Amino acid sequence: MVDELNKTIDVAARDPSWYGIDNRELESRRRWTITTRTQVGDVKKSVVARKENGNSASAMCRELMKLPISHKSDRSYQDSAEDNDDFIVSESDRQMLLIKQQDEELDELSASVERIRGVGLTIHKELLAQEKIIDDLGTEMDSTTNRLDFVQKKVAMIMKKASAKGQIMMILFLLVLFIILFILVFLT
């Protein structure tokens, strides 16, 4: 547990402004973890020594709780315990605040992903519609190309059969036909 608190203090030391603490507070917390680690080591040694000596369970409990036999609290120990409790409560509150912020950010991210999904689906539908239009256009172009080839072959056959005088007559006929169509289309 103390090692985890040390790791937490090291993380907070990287960016103290993010966690709203200063270097004095970091040093205070480091001293507390060192003191606590020492106390835990002393208690472990004491427990092992008492087990070897065969002392009673109540004496071991008093040693673990650091209570004198008269049950009067040591003032510095009480202050240290209150500081520890305050530290734990503030860290717990800070962790809850961070979790709440992360939840809000995840909710916003989720909403953004949903909007992007909707836009993606709309783009997909539009692309499918455009693909159908392009396929239809390709089919019409193939059909028109085939008809144009047929007409060009017919015109080439007629040109071969017709003499020079016939070709001139055909050109004049087509010119008159073009003029009539032009007048009908654009002037009416």
N, C-alpha and C. Protein backbone atom coordinates (compact mmCIF):
# COMPACT_ATOMS: atom_id res chain seq x y z
N MET A 1 0.82 -1.19 0.00
CA MET A 1 0.00 0.00 0.00
C MET A 1 0.87 1.25 0.00
N VAL A 2 1.92 1.24 0.82
CA VAL A 2 2.81 2.40 0.89
C VAL A 2 3.54 2.57 -0.44
N ASP A 3 3.91 1.44 -1.06
CA ASP A 3 4.57 1.52 -2.38
C ASP A 3 3.64 2.14 -3.41
N GLU A 4 2.37 1.80 -3.35
CA GLU A 4 1.40 2.38 -4.28
C GLU A 4 1.26 3.88 -4.05
N LEU A 5 1.27 4.29 -2.79
CA LEU A 5 1.21 5.73 -2.49
C LEU A 5 2.46 6.43 -3.01
N ASN A 6 3.62 5.78 -2.88
CA ASN A 6 4.85 6.35 -3.43
C ASN A 6 4.74 6.53 -4.94
N LYS A 7 4.21 5.53 -5.61
CA LYS A 7 4.03 5.63 -7.07
C LYS A 7 3.08 6.77 -7.41
N THR A 8 2.03 6.91 -6.63
CA THR A 8 1.07 8.00 -6.85
C THR A 8 1.74 9.35 -6.66
N ILE A 9 2.56 9.47 -5.63
CA ILE A 9 3.27 10.72 -5.39
C ILE A 9 4.23 11.02 -6.54
N ASP A 10 4.90 9.99 -7.05
CA ASP A 10 5.81 10.18 -8.19
C ASP A 10 5.05 10.66 -9.42
N VAL A 11 3.86 10.10 -9.66
CA VAL A 11 3.04 10.55 -10.79
C VAL A 11 2.63 12.00 -10.60
N ALA A 12 2.23 12.35 -9.38
CA ALA A 12 1.80 13.72 -9.10
C ALA A 12 2.98 14.68 -9.22
N ALA A 13 4.19 14.21 -8.94
CA ALA A 13 5.37 15.07 -9.01
C ALA A 13 5.70 15.46 -10.45
N ARG A 14 5.27 14.65 -11.40
CA ARG A 14 5.54 14.97 -12.81
C ARG A 14 4.79 16.22 -13.26
N ASP A 15 3.57 16.40 -12.76
CA ASP A 15 2.78 17.57 -13.14
C ASP A 15 1.94 18.01 -11.94
N PRO A 16 2.57 18.68 -10.97
CA PRO A 16 1.85 19.03 -9.74
C PRO A 16 0.67 19.97 -9.98
N SER A 17 0.75 20.83 -10.99
CA SER A 17 -0.34 21.77 -11.24
C SER A 17 -1.61 21.05 -11.65
N TRP A 18 -1.48 19.94 -12.33
CA TRP A 18 -2.65 19.15 -12.76
C TRP A 18 -3.42 18.62 -11.55
N TYR A 19 -2.66 18.24 -10.51
CA TYR A 19 -3.28 17.67 -9.33
C TYR A 19 -3.56 18.71 -8.25
N GLY A 20 -3.18 19.95 -8.50
CA GLY A 20 -3.47 21.03 -7.58
C GLY A 20 -2.67 20.97 -6.28
N ILE A 21 -1.42 20.50 -6.38
CA ILE A 21 -0.57 20.46 -5.18
C ILE A 21 0.75 21.14 -5.49
N ASP A 22 1.47 21.50 -4.41
CA ASP A 22 2.76 22.15 -4.61
C ASP A 22 3.88 21.23 -4.10
N ASN A 23 5.12 21.68 -4.25
CA ASN A 23 6.28 20.86 -3.87
C ASN A 23 6.31 20.61 -2.36
N ARG A 24 5.86 21.58 -1.55
CA ARG A 24 5.84 21.39 -0.11
C ARG A 24 4.93 20.22 0.25
N GLU A 25 3.78 20.18 -0.38
CA GLU A 25 2.83 19.09 -0.13
C GLU A 25 3.41 17.75 -0.58
N LEU A 26 4.08 17.75 -1.72
CA LEU A 26 4.71 16.51 -2.20
C LEU A 26 5.75 16.01 -1.21
N GLU A 27 6.57 16.91 -0.71
CA GLU A 27 7.60 16.52 0.26
C GLU A 27 6.96 16.00 1.55
N SER A 28 5.89 16.65 1.98
CA SER A 28 5.17 16.20 3.17
C SER A 28 4.65 14.78 2.98
N ARG A 29 4.14 14.51 1.85
CA ARG A 29 3.60 13.17 1.56
C ARG A 29 4.73 12.14 1.44
N ARG A 30 5.84 12.54 0.87
CA ARG A 30 6.99 11.62 0.79
C ARG A 30 7.50 11.28 2.20
N ARG A 31 7.60 12.30 3.06
CA ARG A 31 8.04 12.05 4.44
C ARG A 31 7.07 11.11 5.15
N TRP A 32 5.77 11.32 4.91
CA TRP A 32 4.77 10.46 5.54
C TRP A 32 4.95 9.01 5.09
N THR A 33 5.17 8.79 3.77
CA THR A 33 5.33 7.41 3.29
C THR A 33 6.59 6.78 3.85
N ILE A 34 7.66 7.57 3.99
CA ILE A 34 8.90 7.03 4.57
C ILE A 34 8.66 6.65 6.03
N THR A 35 8.00 7.53 6.79
CA THR A 35 7.69 7.27 8.19
C THR A 35 6.79 6.04 8.32
N THR A 36 5.80 5.96 7.48
CA THR A 36 4.87 4.83 7.52
C THR A 36 5.59 3.53 7.18
N ARG A 37 6.44 3.57 6.19
CA ARG A 37 7.20 2.37 5.82
C ARG A 37 8.05 1.91 7.00
N THR A 38 8.68 2.87 7.69
CA THR A 38 9.49 2.54 8.86
C THR A 38 8.63 1.95 9.96
N GLN A 39 7.46 2.54 10.20
CA GLN A 39 6.56 2.03 11.23
C GLN A 39 6.07 0.63 10.90
N VAL A 40 5.75 0.39 9.64
CA VAL A 40 5.30 -0.94 9.23
C VAL A 40 6.42 -1.95 9.44
N GLY A 41 7.64 -1.56 9.10
CA GLY A 41 8.77 -2.46 9.33
C GLY A 41 8.96 -2.76 10.80
N ASP A 42 8.84 -1.72 11.66
CA ASP A 42 8.97 -1.91 13.11
C ASP A 42 7.88 -2.83 13.64
N VAL A 43 6.66 -2.63 13.16
CA VAL A 43 5.55 -3.47 13.61
C VAL A 43 5.79 -4.92 13.19
N LYS A 44 6.25 -5.12 11.97
CA LYS A 44 6.54 -6.49 11.52
C LYS A 44 7.59 -7.14 12.40
N LYS A 45 8.66 -6.39 12.68
CA LYS A 45 9.71 -6.93 13.55
C LYS A 45 9.16 -7.24 14.93
N SER A 46 8.33 -6.33 15.44
CA SER A 46 7.76 -6.52 16.77
C SER A 46 6.86 -7.74 16.80
N VAL A 47 6.07 -7.92 15.75
CA VAL A 47 5.16 -9.07 15.70
C VAL A 47 5.96 -10.36 15.66
N VAL A 48 7.00 -10.38 14.85
CA VAL A 48 7.82 -11.58 14.76
C VAL A 48 8.50 -11.85 16.09
N ALA A 49 9.02 -10.80 16.75
CA ALA A 49 9.68 -10.97 18.04
C ALA A 49 8.70 -11.44 19.10
N ARG A 50 7.50 -10.90 19.09
CA ARG A 50 6.50 -11.30 20.10
C ARG A 50 6.04 -12.73 19.88
N LYS A 51 5.94 -13.12 18.61
CA LYS A 51 5.55 -14.51 18.35
C LYS A 51 6.61 -15.46 18.89
N GLU A 52 7.85 -15.08 18.69
CA GLU A 52 8.93 -15.92 19.18
C GLU A 52 8.95 -15.95 20.71
N ASN A 53 8.62 -14.84 21.34
CA ASN A 53 8.62 -14.77 22.81
C ASN A 53 7.33 -15.30 23.41
N GLY A 54 6.29 -15.48 22.59
CA GLY A 54 5.03 -16.05 23.08
C GLY A 54 4.17 -15.06 23.84
N ASN A 55 4.20 -13.77 23.53
CA ASN A 55 3.36 -12.78 24.22
C ASN A 55 1.91 -12.96 23.83
N SER A 56 1.05 -12.39 24.59
CA SER A 56 -0.38 -12.55 24.38
C SER A 56 -0.87 -11.77 23.16
N ALA A 57 -2.05 -12.13 22.69
CA ALA A 57 -2.64 -11.47 21.52
C ALA A 57 -3.00 -10.03 21.82
N SER A 58 -3.44 -9.72 23.03
CA SER A 58 -3.83 -8.35 23.36
C SER A 58 -2.61 -7.42 23.36
N ALA A 59 -1.49 -7.91 23.78
CA ALA A 59 -0.28 -7.09 23.76
C ALA A 59 0.14 -6.80 22.32
N MET A 60 -0.01 -7.80 21.47
CA MET A 60 0.33 -7.59 20.04
C MET A 60 -0.63 -6.58 19.42
N CYS A 61 -1.91 -6.65 19.77
CA CYS A 61 -2.88 -5.70 19.23
C CYS A 61 -2.54 -4.28 19.66
N ARG A 62 -2.18 -4.10 20.95
CA ARG A 62 -1.79 -2.77 21.43
C ARG A 62 -0.57 -2.25 20.67
N GLU A 63 0.36 -3.15 20.42
CA GLU A 63 1.58 -2.75 19.70
C GLU A 63 1.23 -2.34 18.27
N LEU A 64 0.36 -3.12 17.63
CA LEU A 64 -0.02 -2.80 16.26
C LEU A 64 -0.77 -1.49 16.18
N MET A 65 -1.59 -1.21 17.13
CA MET A 65 -2.39 0.01 17.11
C MET A 65 -1.66 1.18 17.74
N LYS A 66 -0.50 0.92 18.27
CA LYS A 66 0.32 1.97 18.89
C LYS A 66 -0.43 2.66 20.03
N LEU A 67 -1.23 1.91 20.77
CA LEU A 67 -1.95 2.47 21.90
C LEU A 67 -1.23 2.10 23.19
N PRO A 68 -1.00 3.06 24.05
CA PRO A 68 -0.43 2.70 25.34
C PRO A 68 -1.43 1.90 26.17
N ILE A 69 -0.95 1.24 27.18
CA ILE A 69 -1.81 0.40 28.00
C ILE A 69 -2.93 1.21 28.63
N SER A 70 -2.69 2.47 28.91
CA SER A 70 -3.71 3.32 29.53
C SER A 70 -4.75 3.77 28.52
N HIS A 71 -4.58 3.43 27.22
CA HIS A 71 -5.50 3.79 26.14
C HIS A 71 -5.56 5.28 25.88
N LYS A 72 -4.59 6.05 26.33
CA LYS A 72 -4.52 7.48 26.02
C LYS A 72 -3.74 7.63 24.73
N SER A 73 -4.22 8.46 23.82
CA SER A 73 -3.59 8.63 22.52
C SER A 73 -2.42 9.59 22.61
N ASP A 74 -1.41 9.27 21.87
CA ASP A 74 -0.27 10.17 21.72
C ASP A 74 -0.68 11.28 20.77
N ARG A 75 -0.44 12.53 21.13
CA ARG A 75 -0.91 13.68 20.34
C ARG A 75 -0.31 13.69 18.94
N SER A 76 0.98 13.43 18.79
CA SER A 76 1.61 13.46 17.46
C SER A 76 1.08 12.32 16.59
N TYR A 77 0.84 11.18 17.23
CA TYR A 77 0.29 10.05 16.47
C TYR A 77 -1.12 10.39 15.99
N GLN A 78 -1.91 11.05 16.82
CA GLN A 78 -3.27 11.43 16.44
C GLN A 78 -3.24 12.44 15.30
N ASP A 79 -2.33 13.42 15.38
CA ASP A 79 -2.19 14.40 14.29
C ASP A 79 -1.78 13.72 13.00
N SER A 80 -0.86 12.78 13.13
CA SER A 80 -0.40 12.04 11.94
C SER A 80 -1.55 11.24 11.34
N ALA A 81 -2.34 10.62 12.18
CA ALA A 81 -3.48 9.83 11.70
C ALA A 81 -4.50 10.74 11.02
N GLU A 82 -4.73 11.91 11.59
CA GLU A 82 -5.68 12.85 10.97
C GLU A 82 -5.15 13.34 9.62
N ASP A 83 -3.84 13.62 9.57
CA ASP A 83 -3.23 14.02 8.30
C ASP A 83 -3.37 12.91 7.26
N ASN A 84 -3.14 11.67 7.70
CA ASN A 84 -3.28 10.53 6.80
C ASN A 84 -4.71 10.41 6.29
N ASP A 85 -5.67 10.55 7.22
CA ASP A 85 -7.07 10.46 6.82
C ASP A 85 -7.43 11.58 5.84
N ASP A 86 -6.95 12.80 6.15
CA ASP A 86 -7.21 13.93 5.25
C ASP A 86 -6.61 13.67 3.87
N PHE A 87 -5.40 13.15 3.87
CA PHE A 87 -4.72 12.85 2.60
C PHE A 87 -5.51 11.81 1.80
N ILE A 88 -5.93 10.76 2.47
CA ILE A 88 -6.67 9.70 1.80
C ILE A 88 -8.00 10.23 1.26
N VAL A 89 -8.69 11.03 2.06
CA VAL A 89 -9.97 11.60 1.62
C VAL A 89 -9.76 12.53 0.43
N SER A 90 -8.72 13.38 0.50
CA SER A 90 -8.49 14.31 -0.63
C SER A 90 -8.09 13.55 -1.88
N GLU A 91 -7.28 12.52 -1.73
CA GLU A 91 -6.90 11.71 -2.90
C GLU A 91 -8.11 10.98 -3.47
N SER A 92 -8.95 10.48 -2.58
CA SER A 92 -10.17 9.79 -3.03
C SER A 92 -11.07 10.76 -3.79
N ASP A 93 -11.25 11.97 -3.25
CA ASP A 93 -12.06 12.99 -3.93
C ASP A 93 -11.46 13.34 -5.28
N ARG A 94 -10.15 13.50 -5.31
CA ARG A 94 -9.47 13.85 -6.56
C ARG A 94 -9.63 12.74 -7.60
N GLN A 95 -9.51 11.49 -7.15
CA GLN A 95 -9.69 10.36 -8.06
C GLN A 95 -11.12 10.31 -8.59
N MET A 96 -12.09 10.56 -7.71
CA MET A 96 -13.49 10.57 -8.15
C MET A 96 -13.73 11.68 -9.17
N LEU A 97 -13.12 12.85 -8.94
CA LEU A 97 -13.25 13.96 -9.88
C LEU A 97 -12.64 13.61 -11.22
N LEU A 98 -11.46 12.98 -11.19
CA LEU A 98 -10.82 12.56 -12.44
C LEU A 98 -11.67 11.54 -13.18
N ILE A 99 -12.23 10.60 -12.45
CA ILE A 99 -13.09 9.58 -13.07
C ILE A 99 -14.32 10.24 -13.69
N LYS A 100 -14.90 11.21 -12.98
CA LYS A 100 -16.08 11.92 -13.51
C LYS A 100 -15.72 12.67 -14.79
N GLN A 101 -14.56 13.36 -14.77
CA GLN A 101 -14.12 14.08 -15.97
C GLN A 101 -13.89 13.12 -17.13
N GLN A 102 -13.27 11.98 -16.85
CA GLN A 102 -13.02 11.00 -17.90
C GLN A 102 -14.34 10.45 -18.45
N ASP A 103 -15.32 10.22 -17.57
CA ASP A 103 -16.62 9.76 -18.03
C ASP A 103 -17.28 10.78 -18.95
N GLU A 104 -17.20 12.07 -18.56
CA GLU A 104 -17.78 13.12 -19.40
C GLU A 104 -17.07 13.19 -20.75
N GLU A 105 -15.75 13.08 -20.74
CA GLU A 105 -15.00 13.11 -21.99
C GLU A 105 -15.33 11.90 -22.86
N LEU A 106 -15.49 10.73 -22.22
CA LEU A 106 -15.86 9.54 -22.98
C LEU A 106 -17.27 9.68 -23.56
N ASP A 107 -18.19 10.31 -22.82
CA ASP A 107 -19.53 10.54 -23.35
C ASP A 107 -19.48 11.46 -24.58
N GLU A 108 -18.66 12.52 -24.48
CA GLU A 108 -18.51 13.43 -25.62
C GLU A 108 -17.89 12.71 -26.81
N LEU A 109 -16.88 11.88 -26.54
CA LEU A 109 -16.23 11.11 -27.60
C LEU A 109 -17.21 10.14 -28.24
N SER A 110 -18.04 9.52 -27.42
CA SER A 110 -19.04 8.59 -27.93
C SER A 110 -20.03 9.32 -28.84
N ALA A 111 -20.46 10.50 -28.43
CA ALA A 111 -21.39 11.28 -29.26
C ALA A 111 -20.73 11.67 -30.57
N SER A 112 -19.46 12.04 -30.52
CA SER A 112 -18.74 12.40 -31.75
C SER A 112 -18.62 11.21 -32.68
N VAL A 113 -18.33 10.06 -32.11
CA VAL A 113 -18.22 8.84 -32.92
C VAL A 113 -19.57 8.52 -33.57
N GLU A 114 -20.66 8.71 -32.85
CA GLU A 114 -21.98 8.46 -33.41
C GLU A 114 -22.27 9.42 -34.57
N ARG A 115 -21.89 10.71 -34.40
CA ARG A 115 -22.08 11.67 -35.49
C ARG A 115 -21.25 11.29 -36.70
N ILE A 116 -20.02 10.90 -36.47
CA ILE A 116 -19.14 10.50 -37.58
C ILE A 116 -19.70 9.25 -38.25
N ARG A 117 -20.26 8.34 -37.46
CA ARG A 117 -20.86 7.12 -38.03
C ARG A 117 -22.02 7.50 -38.95
N GLY A 118 -22.87 8.45 -38.48
CA GLY A 118 -24.00 8.90 -39.31
C GLY A 118 -23.53 9.53 -40.60
N VAL A 119 -22.49 10.37 -40.51
CA VAL A 119 -21.95 11.00 -41.71
C VAL A 119 -21.38 9.94 -42.65
N GLY A 120 -20.69 8.95 -42.08
CA GLY A 120 -20.12 7.86 -42.89
C GLY A 120 -21.20 7.08 -43.62
N LEU A 121 -22.30 6.79 -42.91
CA LEU A 121 -23.40 6.06 -43.56
C LEU A 121 -24.03 6.89 -44.68
N THR A 122 -24.18 8.19 -44.45
CA THR A 122 -24.73 9.07 -45.49
C THR A 122 -23.81 9.09 -46.71
N ILE A 123 -22.52 9.21 -46.47
CA ILE A 123 -21.55 9.20 -47.58
C ILE A 123 -21.61 7.87 -48.32
N HIS A 124 -21.74 6.77 -47.58
CA HIS A 124 -21.82 5.45 -48.22
C HIS A 124 -23.04 5.36 -49.13
N LYS A 125 -24.20 5.84 -48.63
CA LYS A 125 -25.41 5.82 -49.46
C LYS A 125 -25.24 6.67 -50.70
N GLU A 126 -24.64 7.84 -50.53
CA GLU A 126 -24.42 8.75 -51.67
C GLU A 126 -23.48 8.11 -52.69
N LEU A 127 -22.45 7.44 -52.21
CA LEU A 127 -21.51 6.78 -53.14
C LEU A 127 -22.20 5.66 -53.91
N LEU A 128 -23.07 4.91 -53.22
CA LEU A 128 -23.80 3.85 -53.92
C LEU A 128 -24.72 4.44 -55.01
N ALA A 129 -25.38 5.57 -54.69
CA ALA A 129 -26.25 6.22 -55.67
C ALA A 129 -25.43 6.73 -56.85
N GLN A 130 -24.27 7.34 -56.56
CA GLN A 130 -23.40 7.85 -57.64
C GLN A 130 -22.88 6.70 -58.50
N GLU A 131 -22.55 5.58 -57.87
CA GLU A 131 -22.07 4.42 -58.62
C GLU A 131 -23.16 3.91 -59.57
N LYS A 132 -24.41 3.88 -59.12
CA LYS A 132 -25.52 3.44 -59.98
C LYS A 132 -25.69 4.40 -61.17
N ILE A 133 -25.59 5.71 -60.88
CA ILE A 133 -25.72 6.70 -61.95
C ILE A 133 -24.61 6.52 -62.98
N ILE A 134 -23.38 6.29 -62.50
CA ILE A 134 -22.24 6.11 -63.42
C ILE A 134 -22.41 4.83 -64.23
N ASP A 135 -22.90 3.75 -63.59
CA ASP A 135 -23.14 2.51 -64.33
C ASP A 135 -24.20 2.72 -65.42
N ASP A 136 -25.29 3.44 -65.08
CA ASP A 136 -26.33 3.73 -66.06
C ASP A 136 -25.78 4.56 -67.21
N LEU A 137 -24.97 5.56 -66.88
CA LEU A 137 -24.36 6.41 -67.90
C LEU A 137 -23.45 5.58 -68.81
N GLY A 138 -22.68 4.66 -68.22
CA GLY A 138 -21.81 3.79 -69.02
C GLY A 138 -22.61 2.92 -69.97
N THR A 139 -23.73 2.39 -69.48
CA THR A 139 -24.59 1.56 -70.33
C THR A 139 -25.16 2.39 -71.48
N GLU A 140 -25.63 3.60 -71.19
CA GLU A 140 -26.17 4.47 -72.24
C GLU A 140 -25.10 4.86 -73.25
N MET A 141 -23.87 5.10 -72.77
CA MET A 141 -22.77 5.45 -73.67
C MET A 141 -22.45 4.28 -74.61
N ASP A 142 -22.47 3.06 -74.07
CA ASP A 142 -22.22 1.89 -74.91
C ASP A 142 -23.30 1.75 -75.99
N SER A 143 -24.55 1.94 -75.56
CA SER A 143 -25.66 1.85 -76.51
C SER A 143 -25.55 2.92 -77.59
N THR A 144 -25.25 4.16 -77.18
CA THR A 144 -25.11 5.27 -78.14
C THR A 144 -23.93 5.03 -79.08
N THR A 145 -22.84 4.52 -78.54
CA THR A 145 -21.66 4.22 -79.37
C THR A 145 -22.00 3.17 -80.42
N ASN A 146 -22.74 2.15 -80.03
CA ASN A 146 -23.14 1.11 -80.99
C ASN A 146 -24.03 1.69 -82.09
N ARG A 147 -25.00 2.54 -81.71
CA ARG A 147 -25.88 3.14 -82.71
C ARG A 147 -25.10 4.07 -83.65
N LEU A 148 -24.17 4.84 -83.09
CA LEU A 148 -23.36 5.76 -83.90
C LEU A 148 -22.50 4.98 -84.89
N ASP A 149 -21.92 3.88 -84.43
CA ASP A 149 -21.13 3.04 -85.34
C ASP A 149 -22.00 2.51 -86.48
N PHE A 150 -23.24 2.10 -86.14
CA PHE A 150 -24.16 1.59 -87.16
C PHE A 150 -24.47 2.67 -88.19
N VAL A 151 -24.76 3.90 -87.71
CA VAL A 151 -25.09 5.01 -88.62
C VAL A 151 -23.89 5.36 -89.48
N GLN A 152 -22.69 5.37 -88.91
CA GLN A 152 -21.49 5.69 -89.69
C GLN A 152 -21.24 4.65 -90.78
N LYS A 153 -21.50 3.41 -90.48
CA LYS A 153 -21.34 2.36 -91.49
C LYS A 153 -22.35 2.54 -92.63
N LYS A 154 -23.58 2.88 -92.28
CA LYS A 154 -24.61 3.11 -93.29
C LYS A 154 -24.24 4.30 -94.17
N VAL A 155 -23.79 5.39 -93.53
CA VAL A 155 -23.41 6.58 -94.29
C VAL A 155 -22.23 6.25 -95.21
N ALA A 156 -21.28 5.48 -94.71
CA ALA A 156 -20.13 5.10 -95.53
C ALA A 156 -20.58 4.26 -96.72
N MET A 157 -21.54 3.38 -96.50
CA MET A 157 -22.05 2.55 -97.62
C MET A 157 -22.76 3.41 -98.66
N ILE A 158 -23.56 4.35 -98.18
CA ILE A 158 -24.28 5.22 -99.11
C ILE A 158 -23.31 6.08 -99.87
N MET A 159 -22.26 6.57 -99.22
CA MET A 159 -21.26 7.41 -99.89
C MET A 159 -20.53 6.63 -100.98
N LYS A 160 -20.29 5.38 -100.73
CA LYS A 160 -19.62 4.56 -101.75
C LYS A 160 -20.51 4.37 -102.96
N LYS A 161 -21.80 4.17 -102.74
CA LYS A 161 -22.73 3.93 -103.84
C LYS A 161 -23.02 5.20 -104.63
N ALA A 162 -23.02 6.30 -103.93
CA ALA A 162 -23.38 7.55 -104.60
C ALA A 162 -22.18 8.09 -105.37
N SER A 163 -22.47 8.74 -106.48
CA SER A 163 -21.42 9.37 -107.28
C SER A 163 -21.11 10.73 -106.69
N ALA A 164 -20.22 11.48 -107.29
CA ALA A 164 -19.86 12.81 -106.81
C ALA A 164 -21.07 13.72 -106.84
N LYS A 165 -21.89 13.61 -107.94
CA LYS A 165 -23.08 14.43 -108.04
C LYS A 165 -24.08 14.03 -106.95
N GLY A 166 -24.19 12.78 -106.67
CA GLY A 166 -25.09 12.28 -105.64
C GLY A 166 -24.62 12.72 -104.24
N GLN A 167 -23.30 12.77 -104.09
CA GLN A 167 -22.76 13.19 -102.79
C GLN A 167 -23.08 14.66 -102.54
N ILE A 168 -22.96 15.48 -103.58
CA ILE A 168 -23.26 16.90 -103.44
C ILE A 168 -24.74 17.07 -103.10
N MET A 169 -25.59 16.31 -103.77
CA MET A 169 -27.03 16.38 -103.50
C MET A 169 -27.33 15.94 -102.05
N MET A 170 -26.63 14.93 -101.62
CA MET A 170 -26.84 14.44 -100.25
C MET A 170 -26.40 15.49 -99.25
N ILE A 171 -25.27 16.15 -99.49
CA ILE A 171 -24.77 17.19 -98.60
C ILE A 171 -25.77 18.34 -98.55
N LEU A 172 -26.29 18.74 -99.71
CA LEU A 172 -27.28 19.82 -99.74
C LEU A 172 -28.55 19.42 -99.00
N PHE A 173 -28.98 18.18 -99.19
CA PHE A 173 -30.16 17.70 -98.48
C PHE A 173 -29.94 17.72 -96.96
N LEU A 174 -28.80 17.25 -96.53
CA LEU A 174 -28.50 17.23 -95.10
C LEU A 174 -28.38 18.65 -94.53
N LEU A 175 -27.84 19.57 -95.36
CA LEU A 175 -27.72 20.96 -94.93
C LEU A 175 -29.10 21.59 -94.75
N VAL A 176 -29.98 21.36 -95.70
CA VAL A 176 -31.35 21.88 -95.61
C VAL A 176 -32.05 21.27 -94.40
N LEU A 177 -31.86 19.98 -94.21
CA LEU A 177 -32.46 19.30 -93.07
C LEU A 177 -31.92 19.89 -91.75
N PHE A 178 -30.64 20.17 -91.71
CA PHE A 178 -30.03 20.77 -90.52
C PHE A 178 -30.62 22.15 -90.25
N ILE A 179 -30.79 22.96 -91.27
CA ILE A 179 -31.34 24.31 -91.12
C ILE A 179 -32.77 24.23 -90.61
N ILE A 180 -33.55 23.33 -91.15
CA ILE A 180 -34.95 23.19 -90.73
C ILE A 180 -35.00 22.76 -89.25
N LEU A 181 -34.18 21.79 -88.91
CA LEU A 181 -34.15 21.33 -87.51
C LEU A 181 -33.68 22.43 -86.57
N PHE A 182 -32.70 23.21 -87.01
CA PHE A 182 -32.19 24.30 -86.21
C PHE A 182 -33.29 25.33 -85.96
N ILE A 183 -34.04 25.65 -86.99
CA ILE A 183 -35.12 26.61 -86.85
C ILE A 183 -36.20 26.05 -85.92
N LEU A 184 -36.53 24.80 -86.06
CA LEU A 184 -37.56 24.20 -85.20
C LEU A 184 -37.13 24.14 -83.74
N VAL A 185 -35.89 23.84 -83.50
CA VAL A 185 -35.42 23.66 -82.12
C VAL A 185 -35.21 25.01 -81.44
N PHE A 186 -34.52 25.92 -82.08
CA PHE A 186 -34.11 27.13 -81.39
C PHE A 186 -35.05 28.32 -81.58
N LEU A 187 -35.83 28.34 -82.58
CA LEU A 187 -36.67 29.49 -82.80
C LEU A 187 -38.13 29.28 -82.41
N THR A 188 -38.50 28.11 -82.04
CA THR A 188 -39.88 27.89 -81.62
C THR A 188 -39.99 27.73 -80.14
